[in-house]
N, C-alpha and C. Protein backbone atom coordinates (compact mmCIF):
# COMPACT_ATOMS: atom_id res chain seq x y z
N MET A 1 0.84 -1.18 0.00
CA MET A 1 0.00 0.00 0.00
C MET A 1 0.88 1.25 0.00
N ILE A 2 0.59 2.19 -0.84
CA ILE A 2 1.41 3.39 -0.99
C ILE A 2 1.46 4.20 0.30
N ILE A 3 0.32 4.37 0.96
CA ILE A 3 0.29 5.18 2.19
C ILE A 3 1.20 4.59 3.25
N SER A 4 1.18 3.27 3.42
CA SER A 4 2.03 2.66 4.44
C SER A 4 3.50 2.84 4.10
N LYS A 5 3.84 2.87 2.81
CA LYS A 5 5.22 3.11 2.42
C LYS A 5 5.62 4.55 2.72
N ILE A 6 4.73 5.48 2.48
CA ILE A 6 5.02 6.90 2.71
C ILE A 6 5.10 7.20 4.21
N PHE A 7 4.13 6.74 4.96
CA PHE A 7 4.03 7.12 6.36
C PHE A 7 4.57 6.07 7.33
N GLY A 8 4.98 4.94 6.83
CA GLY A 8 5.64 3.96 7.67
C GLY A 8 4.73 3.08 8.51
N ARG A 9 3.44 3.09 8.27
CA ARG A 9 2.54 2.21 9.03
C ARG A 9 1.25 2.01 8.25
N ASP A 10 0.60 0.93 8.55
CA ASP A 10 -0.65 0.66 7.86
C ASP A 10 -1.83 1.04 8.75
N ILE A 11 -3.01 1.09 8.19
CA ILE A 11 -4.19 1.53 8.92
C ILE A 11 -4.56 0.55 10.04
N LYS A 12 -4.27 -0.74 9.85
CA LYS A 12 -4.55 -1.71 10.91
C LYS A 12 -3.74 -1.39 12.16
N GLY A 13 -2.50 -0.94 11.97
CA GLY A 13 -1.67 -0.55 13.10
C GLY A 13 -2.25 0.64 13.85
N VAL A 14 -2.84 1.56 13.11
CA VAL A 14 -3.46 2.73 13.73
C VAL A 14 -4.68 2.29 14.54
N TYR A 15 -5.54 1.44 13.95
CA TYR A 15 -6.71 0.94 14.68
C TYR A 15 -6.28 0.20 15.95
N ARG A 16 -5.25 -0.61 15.84
CA ARG A 16 -4.75 -1.35 16.98
C ARG A 16 -4.29 -0.39 18.08
N GLU A 17 -3.56 0.64 17.70
CA GLU A 17 -3.07 1.61 18.68
C GLU A 17 -4.22 2.37 19.35
N VAL A 18 -5.22 2.75 18.56
CA VAL A 18 -6.39 3.44 19.12
C VAL A 18 -7.10 2.55 20.13
N ASN A 19 -7.32 1.29 19.77
CA ASN A 19 -8.01 0.37 20.69
C ASN A 19 -7.21 0.12 21.96
N GLU A 20 -5.89 0.00 21.83
CA GLU A 20 -5.05 -0.19 23.02
C GLU A 20 -5.12 1.02 23.94
N ARG A 21 -5.09 2.22 23.37
CA ARG A 21 -5.17 3.44 24.17
C ARG A 21 -6.53 3.55 24.86
N ARG A 22 -7.59 3.16 24.15
CA ARG A 22 -8.92 3.21 24.75
C ARG A 22 -9.02 2.25 25.94
N LYS A 23 -8.47 1.05 25.78
CA LYS A 23 -8.48 0.09 26.89
C LYS A 23 -7.67 0.61 28.07
N LYS A 24 -6.51 1.16 27.76
CA LYS A 24 -5.62 1.70 28.79
C LYS A 24 -6.28 2.84 29.57
N ASN A 25 -7.05 3.67 28.86
CA ASN A 25 -7.69 4.83 29.49
C ASN A 25 -9.08 4.52 30.04
N GLY A 26 -9.46 3.26 30.06
CA GLY A 26 -10.75 2.89 30.64
C GLY A 26 -11.94 3.24 29.78
N LYS A 27 -11.80 3.22 28.48
CA LYS A 27 -12.89 3.58 27.58
C LYS A 27 -13.72 2.36 27.25
N ASN A 28 -14.54 1.96 28.15
CA ASN A 28 -15.41 0.82 27.89
C ASN A 28 -16.86 1.27 27.79
N GLY A 29 -17.06 2.42 27.15
CA GLY A 29 -18.41 2.96 27.00
C GLY A 29 -18.77 3.95 28.08
N LYS A 30 -17.97 4.07 29.13
CA LYS A 30 -18.23 5.01 30.21
C LYS A 30 -17.29 6.20 30.08
N GLU A 31 -17.77 7.36 30.51
CA GLU A 31 -16.91 8.53 30.45
C GLU A 31 -15.97 8.53 31.64
N ARG A 32 -14.76 8.99 31.42
CA ARG A 32 -13.79 9.09 32.50
C ARG A 32 -14.11 10.31 33.35
N LYS A 33 -13.74 10.27 34.60
CA LYS A 33 -13.94 11.40 35.49
C LYS A 33 -12.63 11.75 36.15
N ASN A 34 -12.45 13.04 36.47
CA ASN A 34 -11.23 13.43 37.16
C ASN A 34 -11.41 13.25 38.67
N ASN A 35 -10.45 13.68 39.46
CA ASN A 35 -10.49 13.47 40.91
C ASN A 35 -11.66 14.16 41.59
N ASN A 36 -12.19 15.21 40.98
CA ASN A 36 -13.32 15.93 41.56
C ASN A 36 -14.66 15.29 41.18
N GLY A 37 -14.63 14.24 40.40
CA GLY A 37 -15.86 13.58 39.97
C GLY A 37 -16.47 14.23 38.74
N LYS A 38 -15.81 15.27 38.20
CA LYS A 38 -16.33 15.94 37.01
C LYS A 38 -15.89 15.21 35.77
N LYS A 39 -16.72 15.30 34.73
CA LYS A 39 -16.37 14.67 33.46
C LYS A 39 -15.22 15.44 32.84
N ARG A 40 -14.34 14.73 32.17
CA ARG A 40 -13.26 15.40 31.46
C ARG A 40 -13.25 14.92 30.02
N GLY A 41 -12.74 15.76 29.15
CA GLY A 41 -12.73 15.45 27.73
C GLY A 41 -11.63 14.48 27.36
N LYS A 42 -11.63 14.13 26.10
CA LYS A 42 -10.58 13.25 25.59
C LYS A 42 -9.25 13.98 25.60
N LYS A 43 -8.18 13.22 25.68
CA LYS A 43 -6.85 13.80 25.57
C LYS A 43 -6.58 14.13 24.12
N LEU A 44 -5.67 15.08 23.91
CA LEU A 44 -5.30 15.48 22.56
C LEU A 44 -4.91 14.29 21.70
N ILE A 45 -4.06 13.45 22.24
CA ILE A 45 -3.55 12.30 21.47
C ILE A 45 -4.68 11.36 21.07
N ASP A 46 -5.67 11.19 21.94
CA ASP A 46 -6.80 10.32 21.61
C ASP A 46 -7.61 10.90 20.45
N ILE A 47 -7.82 12.20 20.45
CA ILE A 47 -8.56 12.84 19.37
C ILE A 47 -7.79 12.72 18.06
N ILE A 48 -6.48 12.92 18.14
CA ILE A 48 -5.64 12.82 16.93
C ILE A 48 -5.67 11.40 16.38
N LEU A 49 -5.52 10.41 17.26
CA LEU A 49 -5.53 9.02 16.81
C LEU A 49 -6.89 8.61 16.26
N ASP A 50 -7.97 9.12 16.86
CA ASP A 50 -9.31 8.86 16.32
C ASP A 50 -9.44 9.44 14.91
N ALA A 51 -8.92 10.66 14.73
CA ALA A 51 -8.98 11.30 13.40
C ALA A 51 -8.20 10.49 12.37
N ILE A 52 -7.05 9.97 12.77
CA ILE A 52 -6.26 9.15 11.84
C ILE A 52 -7.02 7.87 11.50
N ALA A 53 -7.54 7.21 12.51
CA ALA A 53 -8.24 5.94 12.31
C ALA A 53 -9.50 6.11 11.46
N GLU A 54 -10.18 7.24 11.62
CA GLU A 54 -11.44 7.47 10.90
C GLU A 54 -11.26 8.35 9.66
N SER A 55 -10.01 8.70 9.33
CA SER A 55 -9.69 9.57 8.18
C SER A 55 -10.49 10.86 8.22
N LYS A 56 -10.50 11.51 9.38
CA LYS A 56 -11.24 12.76 9.55
C LYS A 56 -10.28 13.92 9.74
N LYS A 57 -10.81 15.11 9.54
CA LYS A 57 -10.05 16.34 9.76
C LYS A 57 -10.24 16.79 11.20
N ILE A 58 -9.27 17.59 11.67
CA ILE A 58 -9.41 18.21 12.98
C ILE A 58 -9.08 19.70 12.84
N SER A 59 -9.70 20.47 13.69
CA SER A 59 -9.43 21.90 13.76
C SER A 59 -8.57 22.12 15.01
N ILE A 60 -7.45 22.83 14.85
CA ILE A 60 -6.56 23.06 15.98
C ILE A 60 -6.24 24.54 16.12
N GLU A 61 -5.93 24.93 17.34
CA GLU A 61 -5.32 26.23 17.59
C GLU A 61 -3.88 25.90 17.95
N TYR A 62 -2.95 26.41 17.17
CA TYR A 62 -1.55 26.03 17.29
C TYR A 62 -0.70 27.26 17.57
N VAL A 63 0.26 27.11 18.49
CA VAL A 63 1.18 28.19 18.82
C VAL A 63 2.56 27.81 18.27
N ASP A 64 3.09 28.67 17.38
CA ASP A 64 4.40 28.36 16.79
C ASP A 64 5.53 28.76 17.73
N GLU A 65 6.77 28.56 17.28
CA GLU A 65 7.94 28.83 18.13
C GLU A 65 8.08 30.31 18.48
N LYS A 66 7.44 31.19 17.71
CA LYS A 66 7.48 32.63 17.98
C LYS A 66 6.34 33.08 18.89
N GLY A 67 5.45 32.15 19.24
CA GLY A 67 4.32 32.47 20.10
C GLY A 67 3.08 32.93 19.34
N GLN A 68 3.11 32.85 18.02
CA GLN A 68 1.97 33.24 17.20
C GLN A 68 0.92 32.13 17.21
N ARG A 69 -0.32 32.51 17.47
CA ARG A 69 -1.42 31.54 17.45
C ARG A 69 -2.08 31.54 16.08
N THR A 70 -2.32 30.34 15.57
CA THR A 70 -3.05 30.21 14.30
C THR A 70 -4.11 29.14 14.45
N ARG A 71 -5.20 29.34 13.73
CA ARG A 71 -6.28 28.36 13.68
C ARG A 71 -6.10 27.60 12.37
N ARG A 72 -6.00 26.27 12.46
CA ARG A 72 -5.74 25.46 11.27
C ARG A 72 -6.69 24.27 11.21
N THR A 73 -6.98 23.87 10.00
CA THR A 73 -7.69 22.61 9.77
C THR A 73 -6.66 21.67 9.18
N ILE A 74 -6.50 20.52 9.83
CA ILE A 74 -5.50 19.56 9.37
C ILE A 74 -6.10 18.18 9.24
N ARG A 75 -5.46 17.34 8.42
CA ARG A 75 -5.82 15.92 8.31
C ARG A 75 -4.60 15.14 8.77
N PRO A 76 -4.61 14.68 10.04
CA PRO A 76 -3.43 13.98 10.56
C PRO A 76 -3.20 12.64 9.88
N GLU A 77 -1.93 12.32 9.66
CA GLU A 77 -1.56 11.08 8.99
C GLU A 77 -0.75 10.16 9.89
N LYS A 78 0.06 10.75 10.78
CA LYS A 78 0.98 9.95 11.58
C LYS A 78 1.33 10.70 12.86
N VAL A 79 1.53 9.94 13.94
CA VAL A 79 2.00 10.50 15.21
C VAL A 79 3.30 9.79 15.57
N LYS A 80 4.33 10.58 15.88
CA LYS A 80 5.61 10.00 16.25
C LYS A 80 6.42 11.00 17.05
N ASP A 81 7.01 10.56 18.15
CA ASP A 81 7.91 11.37 18.97
C ASP A 81 7.30 12.72 19.37
N GLY A 82 6.05 12.71 19.78
CA GLY A 82 5.40 13.94 20.24
C GLY A 82 5.06 14.91 19.13
N LYS A 83 5.04 14.43 17.90
CA LYS A 83 4.73 15.29 16.76
C LYS A 83 3.65 14.64 15.91
N VAL A 84 2.88 15.48 15.24
CA VAL A 84 1.84 15.02 14.33
C VAL A 84 2.23 15.43 12.92
N PHE A 85 2.28 14.47 12.01
CA PHE A 85 2.51 14.74 10.60
C PHE A 85 1.13 14.81 9.96
N ALA A 86 0.80 15.95 9.33
CA ALA A 86 -0.56 16.15 8.83
C ALA A 86 -0.56 17.04 7.60
N TYR A 87 -1.65 16.91 6.83
CA TYR A 87 -1.88 17.83 5.73
C TYR A 87 -2.56 19.06 6.31
N CYS A 88 -1.99 20.24 6.08
CA CYS A 88 -2.53 21.51 6.58
C CYS A 88 -3.27 22.21 5.45
N TYR A 89 -4.55 22.47 5.66
CA TYR A 89 -5.36 23.14 4.64
C TYR A 89 -5.06 24.63 4.56
N LEU A 90 -4.55 25.23 5.62
CA LEU A 90 -4.16 26.64 5.57
C LEU A 90 -2.96 26.85 4.64
N ARG A 91 -1.98 25.97 4.72
CA ARG A 91 -0.76 26.08 3.93
C ARG A 91 -0.80 25.24 2.64
N SER A 92 -1.83 24.41 2.49
CA SER A 92 -1.98 23.53 1.32
C SER A 92 -0.75 22.66 1.10
N ASP A 93 -0.25 22.10 2.20
CA ASP A 93 0.94 21.25 2.15
C ASP A 93 1.02 20.44 3.44
N TYR A 94 1.88 19.44 3.45
CA TYR A 94 2.10 18.65 4.65
C TYR A 94 2.99 19.41 5.62
N ARG A 95 2.64 19.35 6.89
CA ARG A 95 3.38 20.02 7.95
C ARG A 95 3.53 19.09 9.15
N THR A 96 4.49 19.42 10.00
CA THR A 96 4.70 18.70 11.25
C THR A 96 4.35 19.65 12.39
N PHE A 97 3.52 19.16 13.33
CA PHE A 97 3.09 19.97 14.46
C PHE A 97 3.50 19.28 15.76
N LYS A 98 4.08 20.04 16.69
CA LYS A 98 4.40 19.50 18.01
C LYS A 98 3.10 19.43 18.82
N ILE A 99 2.85 18.28 19.41
CA ILE A 99 1.60 18.08 20.15
C ILE A 99 1.49 19.04 21.32
N ASP A 100 2.60 19.32 21.99
CA ASP A 100 2.53 20.21 23.16
C ASP A 100 2.26 21.67 22.80
N ARG A 101 2.28 22.02 21.51
CA ARG A 101 1.94 23.38 21.07
C ARG A 101 0.50 23.50 20.60
N ILE A 102 -0.23 22.39 20.57
CA ILE A 102 -1.65 22.43 20.21
C ILE A 102 -2.43 22.82 21.46
N LYS A 103 -3.12 23.96 21.40
CA LYS A 103 -3.82 24.48 22.57
C LYS A 103 -5.30 24.10 22.59
N LYS A 104 -5.92 24.01 21.41
CA LYS A 104 -7.33 23.60 21.32
C LYS A 104 -7.45 22.64 20.14
N ILE A 105 -8.41 21.73 20.26
CA ILE A 105 -8.59 20.73 19.20
C ILE A 105 -10.06 20.33 19.13
N ASN A 106 -10.55 20.17 17.92
CA ASN A 106 -11.93 19.69 17.68
C ASN A 106 -11.92 18.75 16.49
N LEU A 107 -12.59 17.63 16.63
CA LEU A 107 -12.77 16.70 15.52
C LEU A 107 -13.85 17.27 14.61
N ILE A 108 -13.58 17.28 13.32
CA ILE A 108 -14.55 17.83 12.36
C ILE A 108 -15.29 16.68 11.69
């Protein structure tokens, strides 16, 4: 498969990773709660992995190395070493984003 050659993994590996993370995080149909008993949202990495597995776009607010905030729509392809490799619709090209610089995220 061409995509697996380009990105170094196949879609089955992504599904496997998503399912393992869901099991690890207690996602058995129940929502997780924090120490105060309040509901909490999904982690960034879970949303990114879901988008990869489902071939969906995500909207992010990203802060670059200069501190500039930008709103971007991306289609993530791969996660590795704390970075997301994705197609950026703002720049019309593939870009690499550091996960710790993503401030807001929404699955589209």
